[in-house]
């Protein structure tokens, strides 16, 4: 399995990954809602002119304020995250996301794509 694990590492990269996906967790600056989305590392990335891959994603919450959160991610050729930028929100951890929804008393929304 060592060889297969090494090969998988070339395509999955580091960060919050699962099943060929990279999870992004953000909090809206306007209303504080925690959001989660999944990036398919095999299909969602576009080649960058500077080398590697790039992804621009717009997130909108579940209807509390409709603020647009713009996320810009840059990956190297091994699909490992090398840079991230956000406007309209802030990056949070998976634990902060879970904590937000546990305190809200509502179930977390399904993963958006």
PDB file of N, CA and C in Angstrom:
ATOM      1  N   UNK A   1       0.806  -1.198   0.000  1.00  0.00           N
ATOM      2  CA  UNK A   1       0.000   0.000   0.000  1.00  0.00           C
ATOM      3  C   UNK A   1       0.849   1.263   0.000  1.00  0.00           C
ATOM      4  N   UNK A   2       2.131   1.160   0.341  1.00  0.00           N
ATOM      5  CA  UNK A   2       2.981   2.338   0.393  1.00  0.00           C
ATOM      6  C   UNK A   2       3.047   3.066  -0.937  1.00  0.00           C
ATOM      7  N   UNK A   3       3.193   2.314  -2.034  1.00  0.00           N
ATOM      8  CA  UNK A   3       3.259   2.922  -3.347  1.00  0.00           C
ATOM      9  C   UNK A   3       1.955   3.633  -3.690  1.00  0.00           C
ATOM     10  N   UNK A   4       0.823   2.983  -3.427  1.00  0.00           N
ATOM     11  CA  UNK A   4      -0.472   3.591  -3.734  1.00  0.00           C
ATOM     12  C   UNK A   4      -0.727   4.824  -2.877  1.00  0.00           C
ATOM     13  N   UNK A   5      -0.311   4.775  -1.602  1.00  0.00           N
ATOM     14  CA  UNK A   5      -0.469   5.948  -0.740  1.00  0.00           C
ATOM     15  C   UNK A   5       0.370   7.110  -1.254  1.00  0.00           C
ATOM     16  N   UNK A   6       1.586   6.810  -1.727  1.00  0.00           N
ATOM     17  CA  UNK A   6       2.444   7.852  -2.282  1.00  0.00           C
ATOM     18  C   UNK A   6       1.853   8.453  -3.539  1.00  0.00           C
ATOM     19  N   UNK A   7       1.302   7.601  -4.393  1.00  0.00           N
ATOM     20  CA  UNK A   7       0.670   8.076  -5.621  1.00  0.00           C
ATOM     21  C   UNK A   7      -0.551   8.928  -5.305  1.00  0.00           C
ATOM     22  N   UNK A   8      -1.337   8.506  -4.325  1.00  0.00           N
ATOM     23  CA  UNK A   8      -2.512   9.278  -3.911  1.00  0.00           C
ATOM     24  C   UNK A   8      -2.091  10.653  -3.400  1.00  0.00           C
ATOM     25  N   UNK A   9      -0.972  10.717  -2.670  1.00  0.00           N
ATOM     26  CA  UNK A   9      -0.491  11.982  -2.132  1.00  0.00           C
ATOM     27  C   UNK A   9      -0.147  12.995  -3.208  1.00  0.00           C
ATOM     28  N   UNK A  10       0.233  12.521  -4.393  1.00  0.00           N
ATOM     29  CA  UNK A  10       0.542  13.436  -5.489  1.00  0.00           C
ATOM     30  C   UNK A  10      -0.689  14.202  -5.955  1.00  0.00           C
ATOM     31  N   UNK A  11      -1.854  13.583  -5.845  1.00  0.00           N
ATOM     32  CA  UNK A  11      -3.064  14.190  -6.379  1.00  0.00           C
ATOM     33  C   UNK A  11      -3.957  14.835  -5.328  1.00  0.00           C
ATOM     34  N   UNK A  12      -3.887  14.374  -4.106  1.00  0.00           N
ATOM     35  CA  UNK A  12      -4.779  14.888  -3.074  1.00  0.00           C
ATOM     36  C   UNK A  12      -4.214  16.130  -2.421  1.00  0.00           C
ATOM     37  N   UNK A  13      -2.921  16.167  -2.147  1.00  0.00           N
ATOM     38  CA  UNK A  13      -2.317  17.334  -1.503  1.00  0.00           C
ATOM     39  C   UNK A  13      -2.559  17.335  -0.015  1.00  0.00           C
ATOM     40  N   UNK A  14      -2.326  18.488   0.600  1.00  0.00           N
ATOM     41  CA  UNK A  14      -2.503  18.609   2.039  1.00  0.00           C
ATOM     42  C   UNK A  14      -3.684  19.518   2.336  1.00  0.00           C
ATOM     43  N   UNK A  15      -4.167  19.472   3.541  1.00  0.00           N
ATOM     44  CA  UNK A  15      -5.311  20.288   3.932  1.00  0.00           C
ATOM     45  C   UNK A  15      -6.460  19.389   4.310  1.00  0.00           C
ATOM     46  N   UNK A  16      -7.646  19.915   4.326  1.00  0.00           N
ATOM     47  CA  UNK A  16      -8.828  19.144   4.680  1.00  0.00           C
ATOM     48  C   UNK A  16      -9.316  18.447   3.419  1.00  0.00           C
ATOM     49  N   UNK A  17      -8.879  17.197   3.228  1.00  0.00           N
ATOM     50  CA  UNK A  17      -9.214  16.472   2.011  1.00  0.00           C
ATOM     51  C   UNK A  17      -9.975  15.203   2.340  1.00  0.00           C
ATOM     52  N   UNK A  18     -10.744  14.757   1.373  1.00  0.00           N
ATOM     53  CA  UNK A  18     -11.477  13.506   1.522  1.00  0.00           C
ATOM     54  C   UNK A  18     -11.988  13.083   0.157  1.00  0.00           C
ATOM     55  N   UNK A  19     -11.675  11.863  -0.248  1.00  0.00           N
ATOM     56  CA  UNK A  19     -12.209  11.320  -1.486  1.00  0.00           C
ATOM     57  C   UNK A  19     -11.908  12.157  -2.712  1.00  0.00           C
ATOM     58  N   UNK A  20     -10.693  12.693  -2.847  1.00  0.00           N
ATOM     59  CA  UNK A  20     -10.340  13.508  -3.994  1.00  0.00           C
ATOM     60  C   UNK A  20     -10.872  14.920  -3.921  1.00  0.00           C
ATOM     61  N   UNK A  21     -11.366  15.316  -2.748  1.00  0.00           N
ATOM     62  CA  UNK A  21     -11.907  16.660  -2.575  1.00  0.00           C
ATOM     63  C   UNK A  21     -11.162  17.444  -1.523  1.00  0.00           C
ATOM     64  N   UNK A  22     -11.277  18.748  -1.606  1.00  0.00           N
ATOM     65  CA  UNK A  22     -10.673  19.662  -0.647  1.00  0.00           C
ATOM     66  C   UNK A  22     -11.817  20.484  -0.060  1.00  0.00           C
ATOM     67  N   UNK A  23     -11.953  20.479   1.255  1.00  0.00           N
ATOM     68  CA  UNK A  23     -13.049  21.197   1.904  1.00  0.00           C
ATOM     69  C   UNK A  23     -12.600  22.585   2.341  1.00  0.00           C
ATOM     70  N   UNK A  24     -13.458  23.566   2.071  1.00  0.00           N
ATOM     71  CA  UNK A  24     -13.211  24.955   2.456  1.00  0.00           C
ATOM     72  C   UNK A  24     -14.245  25.324   3.510  1.00  0.00           C
ATOM     73  N   UNK A  25     -13.787  25.904   4.600  1.00  0.00           N
ATOM     74  CA  UNK A  25     -14.670  26.363   5.676  1.00  0.00           C
ATOM     75  C   UNK A  25     -14.465  27.863   5.832  1.00  0.00           C
ATOM     76  N   UNK A  26     -15.564  28.630   5.780  1.00  0.00           N
ATOM     77  CA  UNK A  26     -15.481  30.087   5.880  1.00  0.00           C
ATOM     78  C   UNK A  26     -16.585  30.611   6.793  1.00  0.00           C
ATOM     79  N   UNK A  27     -16.389  31.825   7.272  1.00  0.00           N
ATOM     80  CA  UNK A  27     -17.407  32.522   8.068  1.00  0.00           C
ATOM     81  C   UNK A  27     -17.698  33.849   7.385  1.00  0.00           C
ATOM     82  N   UNK A  28     -18.983  34.156   7.223  1.00  0.00           N
ATOM     83  CA  UNK A  28     -19.426  35.401   6.601  1.00  0.00           C
ATOM     84  C   UNK A  28     -19.098  36.577   7.514  1.00  0.00           C
ATOM     85  N   UNK A  29     -18.495  37.623   6.944  1.00  0.00           N
ATOM     86  CA  UNK A  29     -18.183  38.827   7.723  1.00  0.00           C
ATOM     87  C   UNK A  29     -19.439  39.579   8.140  1.00  0.00           C
ATOM     88  N   UNK A  30     -20.495  39.453   7.371  1.00  0.00           N
ATOM     89  CA  UNK A  30     -21.697  40.252   7.628  1.00  0.00           C
ATOM     90  C   UNK A  30     -22.591  39.646   8.710  1.00  0.00           C
ATOM     91  N   UNK A  31     -22.905  38.348   8.595  1.00  0.00           N
ATOM     92  CA  UNK A  31     -23.850  37.735   9.542  1.00  0.00           C
ATOM     93  C   UNK A  31     -23.213  36.684  10.447  1.00  0.00           C
ATOM     94  N   UNK A  32     -21.989  36.263  10.151  1.00  0.00           N
ATOM     95  CA  UNK A  32     -21.301  35.290  10.984  1.00  0.00           C
ATOM     96  C   UNK A  32     -21.620  33.841  10.678  1.00  0.00           C
ATOM     97  N   UNK A  33     -22.438  33.583   9.652  1.00  0.00           N
ATOM     98  CA  UNK A  33     -22.786  32.201   9.322  1.00  0.00           C
ATOM     99  C   UNK A  33     -21.550  31.433   8.855  1.00  0.00           C
ATOM    100  N   UNK A  34     -21.417  30.199   9.311  1.00  0.00           N
ATOM    101  CA  UNK A  34     -20.321  29.323   8.902  1.00  0.00           C
ATOM    102  C   UNK A  34     -20.766  28.514   7.688  1.00  0.00           C
ATOM    103  N   UNK A  35     -19.913  28.476   6.667  1.00  0.00           N
ATOM    104  CA  UNK A  35     -20.222  27.777   5.423  1.00  0.00           C
ATOM    105  C   UNK A  35     -19.138  26.754   5.119  1.00  0.00           C
ATOM    106  N   UNK A  36     -19.536  25.715   4.392  1.00  0.00           N
ATOM    107  CA  UNK A  36     -18.597  24.673   3.976  1.00  0.00           C
ATOM    108  C   UNK A  36     -18.876  24.358   2.518  1.00  0.00           C
ATOM    109  N   UNK A  37     -17.823  24.151   1.748  1.00  0.00           N
ATOM    110  CA  UNK A  37     -17.979  23.714   0.368  1.00  0.00           C
ATOM    111  C   UNK A  37     -16.865  22.743   0.030  1.00  0.00           C
ATOM    112  N   UNK A  38     -17.092  21.943  -0.988  1.00  0.00           N
ATOM    113  CA  UNK A  38     -16.113  20.942  -1.403  1.00  0.00           C
ATOM    114  C   UNK A  38     -15.613  21.277  -2.799  1.00  0.00           C
ATOM    115  N   UNK A  39     -14.305  21.171  -2.972  1.00  0.00           N
ATOM    116  CA  UNK A  39     -13.671  21.373  -4.263  1.00  0.00           C
ATOM    117  C   UNK A  39     -13.211  20.010  -4.765  1.00  0.00           C
ATOM    118  N   UNK A  40     -13.625  19.627  -5.957  1.00  0.00           N
ATOM    119  CA  UNK A  40     -13.154  18.393  -6.573  1.00  0.00           C
ATOM    120  C   UNK A  40     -11.805  18.702  -7.211  1.00  0.00           C
ATOM    121  N   UNK A  41     -10.735  18.142  -6.654  1.00  0.00           N
ATOM    122  CA  UNK A  41      -9.385  18.462  -7.111  1.00  0.00           C
ATOM    123  C   UNK A  41      -9.088  17.940  -8.511  1.00  0.00           C
ATOM    124  N   UNK A  42      -9.884  17.020  -9.007  1.00  0.00           N
ATOM    125  CA  UNK A  42      -9.655  16.481 -10.345  1.00  0.00           C
ATOM    126  C   UNK A  42     -10.410  17.262 -11.421  1.00  0.00           C
ATOM    127  N   UNK A  43     -11.530  17.903 -11.075  1.00  0.00           N
ATOM    128  CA  UNK A  43     -12.379  18.520 -12.095  1.00  0.00           C
ATOM    129  C   UNK A  43     -12.604  20.019 -11.945  1.00  0.00           C
ATOM    130  N   UNK A  44     -12.507  20.563 -10.747  1.00  0.00           N
ATOM    131  CA  UNK A  44     -12.869  21.966 -10.522  1.00  0.00           C
ATOM    132  C   UNK A  44     -11.739  22.956 -10.774  1.00  0.00           C
ATOM    133  N   UNK A  45     -10.502  22.496 -10.817  1.00  0.00           N
ATOM    134  CA  UNK A  45      -9.367  23.405 -10.944  1.00  0.00           C
ATOM    135  C   UNK A  45      -9.110  23.762 -12.403  1.00  0.00           C
ATOM    136  N   UNK A  46      -8.651  25.001 -12.619  1.00  0.00           N
ATOM    137  CA  UNK A  46      -8.253  25.459 -13.948  1.00  0.00           C
ATOM    138  C   UNK A  46      -6.750  25.682 -13.947  1.00  0.00           C
ATOM    139  N   UNK A  47      -6.107  25.426 -15.082  1.00  0.00           N
ATOM    140  CA  UNK A  47      -4.669  25.666 -15.160  1.00  0.00           C
ATOM    141  C   UNK A  47      -4.401  27.154 -15.076  1.00  0.00           C
ATOM    142  N   UNK A  48      -3.359  27.491 -14.334  1.00  0.00           N
ATOM    143  CA  UNK A  48      -2.978  28.885 -14.145  1.00  0.00           C
ATOM    144  C   UNK A  48      -1.886  29.260 -15.135  1.00  0.00           C
ATOM    145  N   UNK A  49      -1.893  30.504 -15.603  1.00  0.00           N
ATOM    146  CA  UNK A  49      -0.830  30.987 -16.483  1.00  0.00           C
ATOM    147  C   UNK A  49       0.508  31.029 -15.757  1.00  0.00           C
ATOM    148  N   UNK A  50       0.470  31.178 -14.439  1.00  0.00           N
ATOM    149  CA  UNK A  50       1.693  31.258 -13.637  1.00  0.00           C
ATOM    150  C   UNK A  50       2.223  29.875 -13.271  1.00  0.00           C
ATOM    151  N   UNK A  51       1.536  28.822 -13.653  1.00  0.00           N
ATOM    152  CA  UNK A  51       1.922  27.459 -13.307  1.00  0.00           C
ATOM    153  C   UNK A  51       1.043  26.934 -12.195  1.00  0.00           C
ATOM    154  N   UNK A  52       0.722  25.664 -12.245  1.00  0.00           N
ATOM    155  CA  UNK A  52      -0.164  25.087 -11.248  1.00  0.00           C
ATOM    156  C   UNK A  52      -1.617  25.271 -11.637  1.00  0.00           C
ATOM    157  N   UNK A  53      -2.452  25.342 -10.614  1.00  0.00           N
ATOM    158  CA  UNK A  53      -3.892  25.434 -10.829  1.00  0.00           C
ATOM    159  C   UNK A  53      -4.486  26.553  -9.986  1.00  0.00           C
ATOM    160  N   UNK A  54      -5.668  27.009 -10.396  1.00  0.00           N
ATOM    161  CA  UNK A  54      -6.356  28.087  -9.688  1.00  0.00           C
ATOM    162  C   UNK A  54      -7.848  27.756  -9.611  1.00  0.00           C
ATOM    163  N   UNK A  55      -8.488  28.267  -8.570  1.00  0.00           N
ATOM    164  CA  UNK A  55      -9.934  28.107  -8.421  1.00  0.00           C
ATOM    165  C   UNK A  55     -10.498  29.382  -7.822  1.00  0.00           C
ATOM    166  N   UNK A  56     -11.531  29.917  -8.441  1.00  0.00           N
ATOM    167  CA  UNK A  56     -12.291  31.038  -7.896  1.00  0.00           C
ATOM    168  C   UNK A  56     -13.697  30.529  -7.620  1.00  0.00           C
ATOM    169  N   UNK A  57     -14.159  30.744  -6.395  1.00  0.00           N
ATOM    170  CA  UNK A  57     -15.464  30.214  -5.998  1.00  0.00           C
ATOM    171  C   UNK A  57     -16.215  31.295  -5.238  1.00  0.00           C
ATOM    172  N   UNK A  58     -17.506  31.440  -5.527  1.00  0.00           N
ATOM    173  CA  UNK A  58     -18.372  32.376  -4.820  1.00  0.00           C
ATOM    174  C   UNK A  58     -19.328  31.577  -3.950  1.00  0.00           C
ATOM    175  N   UNK A  59     -19.374  31.921  -2.666  1.00  0.00           N
ATOM    176  CA  UNK A  59     -20.250  31.240  -1.717  1.00  0.00           C
ATOM    177  C   UNK A  59     -21.293  32.214  -1.203  1.00  0.00           C
ATOM    178  N   UNK A  60     -22.509  31.725  -1.018  1.00  0.00           N
ATOM    179  CA  UNK A  60     -23.599  32.501  -0.431  1.00  0.00           C
ATOM    180  C   UNK A  60     -24.255  31.608   0.608  1.00  0.00           C
ATOM    181  N   UNK A  61     -24.575  32.172   1.759  1.00  0.00           N
ATOM    182  CA  UNK A  61     -25.146  31.396   2.859  1.00  0.00           C
ATOM    183  C   UNK A  61     -26.545  30.882   2.593  1.00  0.00           C
ATOM    184  N   UNK A  62     -27.158  30.400   3.652  1.00  0.00           N
ATOM    185  CA  UNK A  62     -28.462  29.742   3.542  1.00  0.00           C
ATOM    186  C   UNK A  62     -29.640  30.708   3.592  1.00  0.00           C
ATOM    187  N   UNK A  63     -29.407  31.982   3.393  1.00  0.00           N
ATOM    188  CA  UNK A  63     -30.517  32.920   3.318  1.00  0.00           C
ATOM    189  C   UNK A  63     -30.579  33.940   4.430  1.00  0.00           C
ATOM    190  N   UNK A  64     -29.583  33.972   5.284  1.00  0.00           N
ATOM    191  CA  UNK A  64     -29.604  34.940   6.377  1.00  0.00           C
ATOM    192  C   UNK A  64     -29.287  36.349   5.887  1.00  0.00           C
ATOM    193  N   UNK A  65     -28.311  36.474   4.970  1.00  0.00           N
ATOM    194  CA  UNK A  65     -27.965  37.834   4.537  1.00  0.00           C
ATOM    195  C   UNK A  65     -27.619  37.931   3.051  1.00  0.00           C
ATOM    196  N   UNK A  66     -27.380  36.842   2.362  1.00  0.00           N
ATOM    197  CA  UNK A  66     -27.066  36.819   0.932  1.00  0.00           C
ATOM    198  C   UNK A  66     -25.767  37.537   0.575  1.00  0.00           C
ATOM    199  N   UNK A  67     -24.876  37.695   1.522  1.00  0.00           N
ATOM    200  CA  UNK A  67     -23.558  38.277   1.254  1.00  0.00           C
ATOM    201  C   UNK A  67     -22.749  37.298   0.403  1.00  0.00           C
ATOM    202  N   UNK A  68     -22.076  37.828  -0.621  1.00  0.00           N
ATOM    203  CA  UNK A  68     -21.223  36.992  -1.471  1.00  0.00           C
ATOM    204  C   UNK A  68     -19.838  36.902  -0.846  1.00  0.00           C
ATOM    205  N   UNK A  69     -19.340  35.684  -0.719  1.00  0.00           N
ATOM    206  CA  UNK A  69     -17.993  35.450  -0.203  1.00  0.00           C
ATOM    207  C   UNK A  69     -17.169  34.903  -1.364  1.00  0.00           C
ATOM    208  N   UNK A  70     -16.150  35.649  -1.757  1.00  0.00           N
ATOM    209  CA  UNK A  70     -15.304  35.275  -2.889  1.00  0.00           C
ATOM    210  C   UNK A  70     -14.047  34.589  -2.365  1.00  0.00           C
ATOM    211  N   UNK A  71     -13.789  33.372  -2.846  1.00  0.00           N
ATOM    212  CA  UNK A  71     -12.626  32.597  -2.426  1.00  0.00           C
ATOM    213  C   UNK A  71     -11.738  32.359  -3.644  1.00  0.00           C
ATOM    214  N   UNK A  72     -10.437  32.614  -3.491  1.00  0.00           N
ATOM    215  CA  UNK A  72      -9.446  32.382  -4.543  1.00  0.00           C
ATOM    216  C   UNK A  72      -8.402  31.426  -3.977  1.00  0.00           C
ATOM    217  N   UNK A  73      -8.241  30.272  -4.621  1.00  0.00           N
ATOM    218  CA  UNK A  73      -7.275  29.269  -4.175  1.00  0.00           C
ATOM    219  C   UNK A  73      -6.274  28.999  -5.282  1.00  0.00           C
ATOM    220  N   UNK A  74      -5.007  28.830  -4.901  1.00  0.00           N
ATOM    221  CA  UNK A  74      -3.955  28.471  -5.846  1.00  0.00           C
ATOM    222  C   UNK A  74      -3.319  27.163  -5.390  1.00  0.00           C
ATOM    223  N   UNK A  75      -3.132  26.255  -6.342  1.00  0.00           N
ATOM    224  CA  UNK A  75      -2.551  24.946  -6.072  1.00  0.00           C
ATOM    225  C   UNK A  75      -1.327  24.749  -6.961  1.00  0.00           C
ATOM    226  N   UNK A  76      -0.356  23.947  -6.496  1.00  0.00           N
ATOM    227  CA  UNK A  76       0.773  23.596  -7.347  1.00  0.00           C
ATOM    228  C   UNK A  76       0.360  22.431  -8.248  1.00  0.00           C
ATOM    229  N   UNK A  77       1.297  21.942  -9.066  1.00  0.00           N
ATOM    230  CA  UNK A  77       0.952  20.862  -9.994  1.00  0.00           C
ATOM    231  C   UNK A  77       0.613  19.559  -9.283  1.00  0.00           C
ATOM    232  N   UNK A  78       1.023  19.408  -8.016  1.00  0.00           N
ATOM    233  CA  UNK A  78       0.664  18.227  -7.223  1.00  0.00           C
ATOM    234  C   UNK A  78      -0.695  18.413  -6.545  1.00  0.00           C
ATOM    235  N   UNK A  79      -1.369  19.498  -6.883  1.00  0.00           N
ATOM    236  CA  UNK A  79      -2.690  19.842  -6.333  1.00  0.00           C
ATOM    237  C   UNK A  79      -2.652  20.064  -4.824  1.00  0.00           C
ATOM    238  N   UNK A  80      -1.550  20.625  -4.362  1.00  0.00           N
ATOM    239  CA  UNK A  80      -1.413  21.016  -2.964  1.00  0.00           C
ATOM    240  C   UNK A  80      -1.640  22.521  -2.871  1.00  0.00           C
ATOM    241  N   UNK A  81      -2.423  22.946  -1.894  1.00  0.00           N
ATOM    242  CA  UNK A  81      -2.742  24.358  -1.719  1.00  0.00           C
ATOM    243  C   UNK A  81      -1.474  25.143  -1.404  1.00  0.00           C
ATOM    244  N   UNK A  82      -1.225  26.227  -2.159  1.00  0.00           N
ATOM    245  CA  UNK A  82      -0.049  27.060  -1.915  1.00  0.00           C
ATOM    246  C   UNK A  82      -0.423  28.488  -1.539  1.00  0.00           C
ATOM    247  N   UNK A  83      -1.645  28.924  -1.855  1.00  0.00           N
ATOM    248  CA  UNK A  83      -2.072  30.280  -1.509  1.00  0.00           C
ATOM    249  C   UNK A  83      -3.600  30.318  -1.479  1.00  0.00           C
ATOM    250  N   UNK A  84      -4.128  31.146  -0.568  1.00  0.00           N
ATOM    251  CA  UNK A  84      -5.577  31.318  -0.501  1.00  0.00           C
ATOM    252  C   UNK A  84      -5.892  32.750  -0.111  1.00  0.00           C
ATOM    253  N   UNK A  85      -6.957  33.275  -0.711  1.00  0.00           N
ATOM    254  CA  UNK A  85      -7.416  34.633  -0.433  1.00  0.00           C
ATOM    255  C   UNK A  85      -8.934  34.598  -0.325  1.00  0.00           C
ATOM    256  N   UNK A  86      -9.474  35.539   0.443  1.00  0.00           N
ATOM    257  CA  UNK A  86     -10.918  35.583   0.639  1.00  0.00           C
ATOM    258  C   UNK A  86     -11.357  37.031   0.790  1.00  0.00           C
ATOM    259  N   UNK A  87     -12.552  37.340   0.285  1.00  0.00           N
ATOM    260  CA  UNK A  87     -13.159  38.645   0.537  1.00  0.00           C
ATOM    261  C   UNK A  87     -14.616  38.409   0.916  1.00  0.00           C
ATOM    262  N   UNK A  88     -15.090  39.183   1.885  1.00  0.00           N
ATOM    263  CA  UNK A  88     -16.453  39.028   2.371  1.00  0.00           C
ATOM    264  C   UNK A  88     -16.590  38.008   3.481  1.00  0.00           C
ATOM    265  N   UNK A  89     -15.478  37.419   3.893  1.00  0.00           N
ATOM    266  CA  UNK A  89     -15.508  36.412   4.945  1.00  0.00           C
ATOM    267  C   UNK A  89     -14.113  36.118   5.443  1.00  0.00           C
ATOM    268  N   UNK A  90     -14.010  35.095   6.278  1.00  0.00           N
ATOM    269  CA  UNK A  90     -12.709  34.658   6.790  1.00  0.00           C
ATOM    270  C   UNK A  90     -12.672  33.138   6.786  1.00  0.00           C
ATOM    271  N   UNK A  91     -11.476  32.580   6.616  1.00  0.00           N
ATOM    272  CA  UNK A  91     -11.315  31.136   6.671  1.00  0.00           C
ATOM    273  C   UNK A  91     -11.405  30.683   8.119  1.00  0.00           C
ATOM    274  N   UNK A  92     -12.070  29.549   8.349  1.00  0.00           N
ATOM    275  CA  UNK A  92     -12.167  28.961   9.681  1.00  0.00           C
ATOM    276  C   UNK A  92     -11.791  27.482   9.575  1.00  0.00           C
ATOM    277  N   UNK A  93     -11.677  26.819  10.712  1.00  0.00           N
ATOM    278  CA  UNK A  93     -11.356  25.394  10.732  1.00  0.00           C
ATOM    279  C   UNK A  93     -12.639  24.563  10.694  1.00  0.00           C
ATOM    280  N   UNK A  94     -12.479  23.281  10.421  1.00  0.00           N
ATOM    281  CA  UNK A  94     -13.627  22.368  10.443  1.00  0.00           C
ATOM    282  C   UNK A  94     -14.239  22.318  11.839  1.00  0.00           C
ATOM    283  N   UNK A  95     -13.399  22.416  12.869  1.00  0.00           N
ATOM    284  CA  UNK A  95     -13.896  22.403  14.244  1.00  0.00           C
ATOM    285  C   UNK A  95     -14.740  23.639  14.535  1.00  0.00           C
ATOM    286  N   UNK A  96     -14.318  24.799  14.049  1.00  0.00           N
ATOM    287  CA  UNK A  96     -15.104  26.022  14.246  1.00  0.00           C
ATOM    288  C   UNK A  96     -16.438  25.924  13.508  1.00  0.00           C
ATOM    289  N   UNK A  97     -16.431  25.319  12.330  1.00  0.00           N
ATOM    290  CA  UNK A  97     -17.665  25.107  11.572  1.00  0.00           C
ATOM    291  C   UNK A  97     -18.629  24.231  12.369  1.00  0.00           C
ATOM    292  N   UNK A  98     -18.126  23.091  12.857  1.00  0.00           N
ATOM    293  CA  UNK A  98     -18.965  22.169  13.636  1.00  0.00           C
ATOM    294  C   UNK A  98     -19.496  22.833  14.902  1.00  0.00           C
ATOM    295  N   UNK A  99     -18.646  23.618  15.557  1.00  0.00           N
ATOM    296  CA  UNK A  99     -19.046  24.304  16.788  1.00  0.00           C
ATOM    297  C   UNK A  99     -20.162  25.308  16.502  1.00  0.00           C
ATOM    298  N   UNK A 100     -20.052  26.062  15.420  1.00  0.00           N
ATOM    299  CA  UNK A 100     -21.076  27.039  15.053  1.00  0.00           C
ATOM    300  C   UNK A 100     -22.432  26.350  14.897  1.00  0.00           C
ATOM    301  N   UNK A 101     -22.469  25.251  14.141  1.00  0.00           N
ATOM    302  CA  UNK A 101     -23.745  24.585  13.875  1.00  0.00           C
ATOM    303  C   UNK A 101     -24.265  23.844  15.096  1.00  0.00           C
ATOM    304  N   UNK A 102     -23.379  23.352  15.958  1.00  0.00           N
ATOM    305  CA  UNK A 102     -23.830  22.705  17.198  1.00  0.00           C
ATOM    306  C   UNK A 102     -24.498  23.725  18.112  1.00  0.00           C
ATOM    307  N   UNK A 103     -23.941  24.935  18.183  1.00  0.00           N
ATOM    308  CA  UNK A 103     -24.499  25.989  19.032  1.00  0.00           C
ATOM    309  C   UNK A 103     -25.778  26.574  18.449  1.00  0.00           C
ATOM    310  N   UNK A 104     -25.943  26.498  17.132  1.00  0.00           N
ATOM    311  CA  UNK A 104     -27.132  27.087  16.504  1.00  0.00           C
ATOM    312  C   UNK A 104     -28.388  26.258  16.770  1.00  0.00           C
ATOM    313  N   UNK A 105     -28.208  24.989  17.099  1.00  0.00           N
ATOM    314  CA  UNK A 105     -29.356  24.118  17.317  1.00  0.00           C
ATOM    315  C   UNK A 105     -29.962  23.579  16.037  1.00  0.00           C
ATOM    316  N   UNK A 106     -29.389  23.927  14.908  1.00  0.00           N
ATOM    317  CA  UNK A 106     -29.857  23.452  13.603  1.00  0.00           C
ATOM    318  C   UNK A 106     -28.817  22.513  13.006  1.00  0.00           C
ATOM    319  N   UNK A 107     -29.235  21.584  12.157  1.00  0.00           N
ATOM    320  CA  UNK A 107     -28.241  20.734  11.497  1.00  0.00           C
ATOM    321  C   UNK A 107     -27.447  21.544  10.476  1.00  0.00           C
ATOM    322  N   UNK A 108     -26.191  21.176  10.290  1.00  0.00           N
ATOM    323  CA  UNK A 108     -25.359  21.853   9.293  1.00  0.00           C
ATOM    324  C   UNK A 108     -25.927  21.583   7.906  1.00  0.00           C
ATOM    325  N   UNK A 109     -25.925  22.589   7.029  1.00  0.00           N
ATOM    326  CA  UNK A 109     -26.423  22.367   5.671  1.00  0.00           C
ATOM    327  C   UNK A 109     -25.545  21.375   4.920  1.00  0.00           C
ATOM    328  N   UNK A 110     -26.109  20.782   3.900  1.00  0.00           N
ATOM    329  CA  UNK A 110     -25.335  19.858   3.070  1.00  0.00           C
ATOM    330  C   UNK A 110     -24.178  20.592   2.425  1.00  0.00           C
ATOM    331  N   UNK A 111     -23.190  19.834   2.018  1.00  0.00           N
ATOM    332  CA  UNK A 111     -22.020  20.404   1.357  1.00  0.00           C
ATOM    333  C   UNK A 111     -22.432  20.943   0.002  1.00  0.00           C
ATOM    334  N   UNK A 112     -22.013  22.184  -0.299  1.00  0.00           N
ATOM    335  CA  UNK A 112     -22.273  22.770  -1.612  1.00  0.00           C
ATOM    336  C   UNK A 112     -21.099  22.480  -2.520  1.00  0.00           C
ATOM    337  N   UNK A 113     -21.327  22.550  -3.814  1.00  0.00           N
ATOM    338  CA  UNK A 113     -20.237  22.297  -4.763  1.00  0.00           C
ATOM    339  C   UNK A 113     -20.074  23.430  -5.701  1.00  0.00           C
TER     340      UNK A 113
END
